[in-house]
């Protein structure tokens, strides 16, 4: 597959066949993905490869608290976990919200789950003093995560970036033995897609990019 096709057809895959993802294929995926850029080329990201069923069941369980809030806010017509607007549903309403299987099945069904962690001691977060949620530090980890998904697509596999378990980061770190200075960035189930989507809906370039200013003319 050429690069353009890979980029245009790498969808979020949440349903997997029973096909295995062998270690040699996974090594090829990671071998290509590791050339992703990171701040100062410090390469502070590490990948925990999880196949053990009990560990994956615990990861799925740790999705629960964040999923309950996500679903409760979604049902209330809110943008879930949005940092600009506080959650409308009460803690009691959130706690009573069931966890749909769609949020946990990918971690359980995929033949392998990758947990990406990044050493905060080597991350340059230029937005750390701004009065908003920090996002800049992600530039040192998410290019690698996306490279993994692109490389997986080229091999006939797929996955999706999940972050629900991050809300329970202390428990995730304890489960996986992650050192104190590291942050959990993403949990990525990988496997053979039940259906490979190739027609993705995305904004056209003239809605995505503007000239010179935010209110400038479309590119």
C-alpha atoms as a PDB file:
ATOM      1  CA  UNK A   1       0.000   0.000   0.000  1.00  0.00           C
ATOM      2  CA  UNK A   2       1.262   3.484  -0.754  1.00  0.00           C
ATOM      3  CA  UNK A   3       1.359   6.185   1.925  1.00  0.00           C
ATOM      4  CA  UNK A   4      -1.646   8.108   0.590  1.00  0.00           C
ATOM      5  CA  UNK A   5      -3.875   5.027   0.674  1.00  0.00           C
ATOM      6  CA  UNK A   6      -2.747   4.125   4.185  1.00  0.00           C
ATOM      7  CA  UNK A   7      -3.449   7.647   5.462  1.00  0.00           C
ATOM      8  CA  UNK A   8      -6.851   7.813   3.770  1.00  0.00           C
ATOM      9  CA  UNK A   9      -8.043   4.394   4.975  1.00  0.00           C
ATOM     10  CA  UNK A  10      -6.763   4.119   8.558  1.00  0.00           C
ATOM     11  CA  UNK A  11     -10.052   4.018  10.419  1.00  0.00           C
ATOM     12  CA  UNK A  12     -10.798   3.501  14.115  1.00  0.00           C
ATOM     13  CA  UNK A  13     -11.174  -0.281  14.368  1.00  0.00           C
ATOM     14  CA  UNK A  14     -13.104  -1.642  17.354  1.00  0.00           C
ATOM     15  CA  UNK A  15     -14.296  -5.031  16.090  1.00  0.00           C
ATOM     16  CA  UNK A  16     -11.754  -7.782  15.503  1.00  0.00           C
ATOM     17  CA  UNK A  17     -11.718 -11.253  14.036  1.00  0.00           C
ATOM     18  CA  UNK A  18     -10.232 -14.195  15.917  1.00  0.00           C
ATOM     19  CA  UNK A  19      -7.058 -14.010  13.832  1.00  0.00           C
ATOM     20  CA  UNK A  20      -3.871 -13.692  15.883  1.00  0.00           C
ATOM     21  CA  UNK A  21      -1.409 -10.831  15.581  1.00  0.00           C
ATOM     22  CA  UNK A  22       1.935 -12.670  15.734  1.00  0.00           C
ATOM     23  CA  UNK A  23       4.920 -11.166  17.503  1.00  0.00           C
ATOM     24  CA  UNK A  24       6.936 -10.965  14.281  1.00  0.00           C
ATOM     25  CA  UNK A  25       4.240  -8.820  12.640  1.00  0.00           C
ATOM     26  CA  UNK A  26       3.916  -6.679  15.760  1.00  0.00           C
ATOM     27  CA  UNK A  27       7.671  -6.155  15.770  1.00  0.00           C
ATOM     28  CA  UNK A  28       7.520  -4.976  12.142  1.00  0.00           C
ATOM     29  CA  UNK A  29       4.742  -2.543  13.036  1.00  0.00           C
ATOM     30  CA  UNK A  30       6.706  -1.142  15.973  1.00  0.00           C
ATOM     31  CA  UNK A  31       9.944  -1.129  13.991  1.00  0.00           C
ATOM     32  CA  UNK A  32       8.411   1.226  11.431  1.00  0.00           C
ATOM     33  CA  UNK A  33       6.451   3.263  13.986  1.00  0.00           C
ATOM     34  CA  UNK A  34       9.465   3.986  16.205  1.00  0.00           C
ATOM     35  CA  UNK A  35      10.709   6.625  13.752  1.00  0.00           C
ATOM     36  CA  UNK A  36       7.954   9.000  14.895  1.00  0.00           C
ATOM     37  CA  UNK A  37       9.225  12.375  16.100  1.00  0.00           C
ATOM     38  CA  UNK A  38       9.273  13.422  19.750  1.00  0.00           C
ATOM     39  CA  UNK A  39      10.229  16.612  21.558  1.00  0.00           C
ATOM     40  CA  UNK A  40      14.003  17.039  21.412  1.00  0.00           C
ATOM     41  CA  UNK A  41      14.142  13.492  20.018  1.00  0.00           C
ATOM     42  CA  UNK A  42      14.129  12.338  23.653  1.00  0.00           C
ATOM     43  CA  UNK A  43      11.950   9.337  22.818  1.00  0.00           C
ATOM     44  CA  UNK A  44      10.406   9.103  26.268  1.00  0.00           C
ATOM     45  CA  UNK A  45       7.546   6.828  25.217  1.00  0.00           C
ATOM     46  CA  UNK A  46       7.463   3.136  26.100  1.00  0.00           C
ATOM     47  CA  UNK A  47       4.951   0.522  24.936  1.00  0.00           C
ATOM     48  CA  UNK A  48       3.621  -2.232  27.199  1.00  0.00           C
ATOM     49  CA  UNK A  49       2.432  -5.156  25.066  1.00  0.00           C
ATOM     50  CA  UNK A  50      -0.455  -6.893  26.835  1.00  0.00           C
ATOM     51  CA  UNK A  51      -1.769 -10.286  25.796  1.00  0.00           C
ATOM     52  CA  UNK A  52      -2.647 -11.765  29.194  1.00  0.00           C
ATOM     53  CA  UNK A  53      -6.410 -12.206  29.554  1.00  0.00           C
ATOM     54  CA  UNK A  54      -6.563 -11.304  33.239  1.00  0.00           C
ATOM     55  CA  UNK A  55      -4.643  -8.060  32.661  1.00  0.00           C
ATOM     56  CA  UNK A  56      -6.909  -7.108  29.770  1.00  0.00           C
ATOM     57  CA  UNK A  57      -9.987  -7.817  31.866  1.00  0.00           C
ATOM     58  CA  UNK A  58      -8.658  -5.450  34.520  1.00  0.00           C
ATOM     59  CA  UNK A  59      -7.920  -2.774  31.899  1.00  0.00           C
ATOM     60  CA  UNK A  60     -11.493  -3.127  30.622  1.00  0.00           C
ATOM     61  CA  UNK A  61     -12.797  -2.807  34.160  1.00  0.00           C
ATOM     62  CA  UNK A  62     -10.768   0.364  34.691  1.00  0.00           C
ATOM     63  CA  UNK A  63     -12.580   1.914  31.725  1.00  0.00           C
ATOM     64  CA  UNK A  64     -15.793   1.882  33.762  1.00  0.00           C
ATOM     65  CA  UNK A  65     -15.707   5.154  35.736  1.00  0.00           C
ATOM     66  CA  UNK A  66     -14.771   7.282  32.714  1.00  0.00           C
ATOM     67  CA  UNK A  67     -17.244   5.499  30.453  1.00  0.00           C
ATOM     68  CA  UNK A  68     -20.110   6.096  32.882  1.00  0.00           C
ATOM     69  CA  UNK A  69     -19.460   9.836  32.849  1.00  0.00           C
ATOM     70  CA  UNK A  70     -18.981   9.816  29.068  1.00  0.00           C
ATOM     71  CA  UNK A  71     -22.292   8.060  28.442  1.00  0.00           C
ATOM     72  CA  UNK A  72     -24.208  10.091  31.034  1.00  0.00           C
ATOM     73  CA  UNK A  73     -23.021  13.353  29.502  1.00  0.00           C
ATOM     74  CA  UNK A  74     -23.682  12.119  25.976  1.00  0.00           C
ATOM     75  CA  UNK A  75     -27.266  11.249  26.919  1.00  0.00           C
ATOM     76  CA  UNK A  76     -27.628  14.715  28.432  1.00  0.00           C
ATOM     77  CA  UNK A  77     -26.622  16.286  25.122  1.00  0.00           C
ATOM     78  CA  UNK A  78     -23.206  17.387  26.381  1.00  0.00           C
ATOM     79  CA  UNK A  79     -19.746  17.002  24.923  1.00  0.00           C
ATOM     80  CA  UNK A  80     -18.344  14.260  27.193  1.00  0.00           C
ATOM     81  CA  UNK A  81     -15.361  15.034  29.390  1.00  0.00           C
ATOM     82  CA  UNK A  82     -15.120  18.510  27.899  1.00  0.00           C
ATOM     83  CA  UNK A  83     -12.804  20.726  29.991  1.00  0.00           C
ATOM     84  CA  UNK A  84     -14.592  23.955  29.027  1.00  0.00           C
ATOM     85  CA  UNK A  85     -18.027  23.043  30.373  1.00  0.00           C
ATOM     86  CA  UNK A  86     -18.575  21.148  33.651  1.00  0.00           C
ATOM     87  CA  UNK A  87     -20.569  17.927  33.616  1.00  0.00           C
ATOM     88  CA  UNK A  88     -24.321  18.372  34.040  1.00  0.00           C
ATOM     89  CA  UNK A  89     -25.270  14.907  35.339  1.00  0.00           C
ATOM     90  CA  UNK A  90     -24.862  14.459  39.088  1.00  0.00           C
ATOM     91  CA  UNK A  91     -22.290  12.047  40.548  1.00  0.00           C
ATOM     92  CA  UNK A  92     -25.194   9.777  41.486  1.00  0.00           C
ATOM     93  CA  UNK A  93     -26.541   9.793  37.927  1.00  0.00           C
ATOM     94  CA  UNK A  94     -23.100   9.052  36.555  1.00  0.00           C
ATOM     95  CA  UNK A  95     -22.533   6.191  38.998  1.00  0.00           C
ATOM     96  CA  UNK A  96     -25.880   4.646  37.996  1.00  0.00           C
ATOM     97  CA  UNK A  97     -25.102   4.741  34.261  1.00  0.00           C
ATOM     98  CA  UNK A  98     -24.404   1.290  32.763  1.00  0.00           C
ATOM     99  CA  UNK A  99     -21.169   0.673  30.862  1.00  0.00           C
ATOM    100  CA  UNK A 100     -21.969  -0.343  27.252  1.00  0.00           C
ATOM    101  CA  UNK A 101     -20.026  -3.369  26.062  1.00  0.00           C
ATOM    102  CA  UNK A 102     -18.788  -1.392  23.047  1.00  0.00           C
ATOM    103  CA  UNK A 103     -16.401   0.483  25.351  1.00  0.00           C
ATOM    104  CA  UNK A 104     -14.820  -2.645  26.837  1.00  0.00           C
ATOM    105  CA  UNK A 105     -15.076  -5.317  24.136  1.00  0.00           C
ATOM    106  CA  UNK A 106     -12.191  -4.007  21.985  1.00  0.00           C
ATOM    107  CA  UNK A 107      -9.724  -4.479  24.853  1.00  0.00           C
ATOM    108  CA  UNK A 108     -11.074  -7.980  25.480  1.00  0.00           C
ATOM    109  CA  UNK A 109     -11.460  -9.124  21.872  1.00  0.00           C
ATOM    110  CA  UNK A 110      -8.246  -7.826  20.318  1.00  0.00           C
ATOM    111  CA  UNK A 111      -5.373 -10.317  20.238  1.00  0.00           C
ATOM    112  CA  UNK A 112      -3.031  -7.690  21.670  1.00  0.00           C
ATOM    113  CA  UNK A 113      -3.400  -4.436  23.570  1.00  0.00           C
ATOM    114  CA  UNK A 114      -0.676  -1.779  23.546  1.00  0.00           C
ATOM    115  CA  UNK A 115      -0.434   0.617  26.478  1.00  0.00           C
ATOM    116  CA  UNK A 116       1.571   3.752  25.659  1.00  0.00           C
ATOM    117  CA  UNK A 117       3.269   5.548  28.536  1.00  0.00           C
ATOM    118  CA  UNK A 118       5.518   8.597  28.382  1.00  0.00           C
ATOM    119  CA  UNK A 119       8.182   9.803  30.800  1.00  0.00           C
ATOM    120  CA  UNK A 120       7.106  13.256  31.961  1.00  0.00           C
ATOM    121  CA  UNK A 121      10.694  13.951  33.020  1.00  0.00           C
ATOM    122  CA  UNK A 122      11.676  14.347  29.360  1.00  0.00           C
ATOM    123  CA  UNK A 123       8.535  16.073  28.042  1.00  0.00           C
ATOM    124  CA  UNK A 124       8.606  19.799  27.160  1.00  0.00           C
ATOM    125  CA  UNK A 125       5.146  21.163  28.015  1.00  0.00           C
ATOM    126  CA  UNK A 126       5.213  24.791  26.869  1.00  0.00           C
ATOM    127  CA  UNK A 127       1.559  25.237  27.871  1.00  0.00           C
ATOM    128  CA  UNK A 128       1.990  24.127  31.492  1.00  0.00           C
ATOM    129  CA  UNK A 129       1.459  27.645  32.888  1.00  0.00           C
ATOM    130  CA  UNK A 130      -1.578  28.520  30.779  1.00  0.00           C
ATOM    131  CA  UNK A 131      -5.025  28.568  32.341  1.00  0.00           C
ATOM    132  CA  UNK A 132      -6.314  25.566  30.419  1.00  0.00           C
ATOM    133  CA  UNK A 133      -5.854  21.838  30.081  1.00  0.00           C
ATOM    134  CA  UNK A 134      -2.373  21.053  28.799  1.00  0.00           C
ATOM    135  CA  UNK A 135      -2.057  19.365  25.384  1.00  0.00           C
ATOM    136  CA  UNK A 136       1.414  20.227  24.085  1.00  0.00           C
ATOM    137  CA  UNK A 137       3.142  17.402  25.934  1.00  0.00           C
ATOM    138  CA  UNK A 138       1.183  14.965  23.798  1.00  0.00           C
ATOM    139  CA  UNK A 139       3.384  15.914  20.843  1.00  0.00           C
ATOM    140  CA  UNK A 140       6.041  13.639  22.337  1.00  0.00           C
ATOM    141  CA  UNK A 141       3.860  10.520  22.389  1.00  0.00           C
ATOM    142  CA  UNK A 142       0.879  10.645  20.001  1.00  0.00           C
ATOM    143  CA  UNK A 143       2.897  10.731  16.761  1.00  0.00           C
ATOM    144  CA  UNK A 144       4.233   7.299  17.776  1.00  0.00           C
ATOM    145  CA  UNK A 145       0.725   6.054  18.595  1.00  0.00           C
ATOM    146  CA  UNK A 146      -0.545   7.176  15.200  1.00  0.00           C
ATOM    147  CA  UNK A 147       2.455   5.697  13.424  1.00  0.00           C
ATOM    148  CA  UNK A 148       1.560   2.354  15.017  1.00  0.00           C
ATOM    149  CA  UNK A 149      -1.967   2.571  13.607  1.00  0.00           C
ATOM    150  CA  UNK A 150      -0.665   3.515  10.157  1.00  0.00           C
ATOM    151  CA  UNK A 151       1.855   0.667  10.183  1.00  0.00           C
ATOM    152  CA  UNK A 152      -0.833  -1.736  11.393  1.00  0.00           C
ATOM    153  CA  UNK A 153      -3.086  -0.701   8.506  1.00  0.00           C
ATOM    154  CA  UNK A 154      -0.306  -1.394   6.019  1.00  0.00           C
ATOM    155  CA  UNK A 155      -0.016  -4.912   7.493  1.00  0.00           C
ATOM    156  CA  UNK A 156      -3.770  -5.551   7.224  1.00  0.00           C
ATOM    157  CA  UNK A 157      -4.507  -4.906  10.906  1.00  0.00           C
ATOM    158  CA  UNK A 158      -6.156  -2.054  12.743  1.00  0.00           C
ATOM    159  CA  UNK A 159      -6.951  -0.552  16.107  1.00  0.00           C
ATOM    160  CA  UNK A 160      -8.124   2.549  17.868  1.00  0.00           C
ATOM    161  CA  UNK A 161      -6.823   5.028  20.424  1.00  0.00           C
ATOM    162  CA  UNK A 162      -8.721   4.631  23.698  1.00  0.00           C
ATOM    163  CA  UNK A 163      -8.186   6.834  26.735  1.00  0.00           C
ATOM    164  CA  UNK A 164     -10.968   5.898  29.161  1.00  0.00           C
ATOM    165  CA  UNK A 165      -8.581   3.972  31.420  1.00  0.00           C
ATOM    166  CA  UNK A 166      -6.373   7.066  31.751  1.00  0.00           C
ATOM    167  CA  UNK A 167      -8.904   8.527  34.198  1.00  0.00           C
ATOM    168  CA  UNK A 168      -7.852   5.688  36.523  1.00  0.00           C
ATOM    169  CA  UNK A 169      -4.131   6.184  35.844  1.00  0.00           C
ATOM    170  CA  UNK A 170      -2.837   5.229  39.326  1.00  0.00           C
ATOM    171  CA  UNK A 171      -4.550   1.846  39.075  1.00  0.00           C
ATOM    172  CA  UNK A 172      -3.291   1.311  35.508  1.00  0.00           C
ATOM    173  CA  UNK A 173       0.269   2.122  36.564  1.00  0.00           C
ATOM    174  CA  UNK A 174       0.041  -0.257  39.502  1.00  0.00           C
ATOM    175  CA  UNK A 175      -1.354  -2.993  37.269  1.00  0.00           C
ATOM    176  CA  UNK A 176       1.485  -2.677  34.757  1.00  0.00           C
ATOM    177  CA  UNK A 177       4.336  -1.655  37.063  1.00  0.00           C
ATOM    178  CA  UNK A 178       4.750   1.740  35.397  1.00  0.00           C
ATOM    179  CA  UNK A 179       7.284   4.056  37.119  1.00  0.00           C
ATOM    180  CA  UNK A 180       6.108   7.145  38.965  1.00  0.00           C
ATOM    181  CA  UNK A 181       7.350   9.751  36.476  1.00  0.00           C
ATOM    182  CA  UNK A 182       5.469   8.157  33.562  1.00  0.00           C
ATOM    183  CA  UNK A 183       1.977   9.115  32.390  1.00  0.00           C
ATOM    184  CA  UNK A 184      -0.445   6.784  30.642  1.00  0.00           C
ATOM    185  CA  UNK A 185      -1.256   8.266  27.237  1.00  0.00           C
ATOM    186  CA  UNK A 186      -3.301   5.642  25.393  1.00  0.00           C
ATOM    187  CA  UNK A 187      -4.577   2.083  25.405  1.00  0.00           C
ATOM    188  CA  UNK A 188      -4.647   0.691  21.852  1.00  0.00           C
ATOM    189  CA  UNK A 189      -6.270  -2.671  21.009  1.00  0.00           C
ATOM    190  CA  UNK A 190      -4.858  -4.111  17.772  1.00  0.00           C
ATOM    191  CA  UNK A 191      -6.111  -6.928  15.572  1.00  0.00           C
ATOM    192  CA  UNK A 192      -7.556  -7.967  12.245  1.00  0.00           C
ATOM    193  CA  UNK A 193     -10.648  -5.826  11.464  1.00  0.00           C
ATOM    194  CA  UNK A 194     -13.991  -7.569  10.977  1.00  0.00           C
ATOM    195  CA  UNK A 195     -14.621  -4.905   8.342  1.00  0.00           C
ATOM    196  CA  UNK A 196     -12.001  -2.652   6.798  1.00  0.00           C
ATOM    197  CA  UNK A 197     -13.555   0.748   6.170  1.00  0.00           C
ATOM    198  CA  UNK A 198     -12.094   2.647   3.220  1.00  0.00           C
ATOM    199  CA  UNK A 199     -14.482   5.596   2.781  1.00  0.00           C
ATOM    200  CA  UNK A 200     -13.893   7.820   5.795  1.00  0.00           C
ATOM    201  CA  UNK A 201     -15.805  11.035   6.464  1.00  0.00           C
ATOM    202  CA  UNK A 202     -13.493  13.954   7.178  1.00  0.00           C
ATOM    203  CA  UNK A 203     -13.617  17.718   6.705  1.00  0.00           C
ATOM    204  CA  UNK A 204     -12.565  18.895   3.228  1.00  0.00           C
ATOM    205  CA  UNK A 205      -9.366  20.933   3.025  1.00  0.00           C
ATOM    206  CA  UNK A 206     -11.227  24.223   2.487  1.00  0.00           C
ATOM    207  CA  UNK A 207     -12.954  23.752   5.856  1.00  0.00           C
ATOM    208  CA  UNK A 208      -9.841  22.472   7.577  1.00  0.00           C
ATOM    209  CA  UNK A 209      -7.249  25.094   6.591  1.00  0.00           C
ATOM    210  CA  UNK A 210      -7.410  28.882   6.306  1.00  0.00           C
ATOM    211  CA  UNK A 211      -4.924  31.501   5.136  1.00  0.00           C
ATOM    212  CA  UNK A 212      -2.953  33.664   7.576  1.00  0.00           C
ATOM    213  CA  UNK A 213      -5.632  33.995  10.350  1.00  0.00           C
ATOM    214  CA  UNK A 214      -8.328  31.856  12.006  1.00  0.00           C
ATOM    215  CA  UNK A 215     -10.923  33.956  10.170  1.00  0.00           C
ATOM    216  CA  UNK A 216      -8.923  33.947   6.924  1.00  0.00           C
ATOM    217  CA  UNK A 217      -9.941  32.693   3.509  1.00  0.00           C
ATOM    218  CA  UNK A 218     -10.031  28.916   2.941  1.00  0.00           C
ATOM    219  CA  UNK A 219      -6.827  27.466   1.547  1.00  0.00           C
END
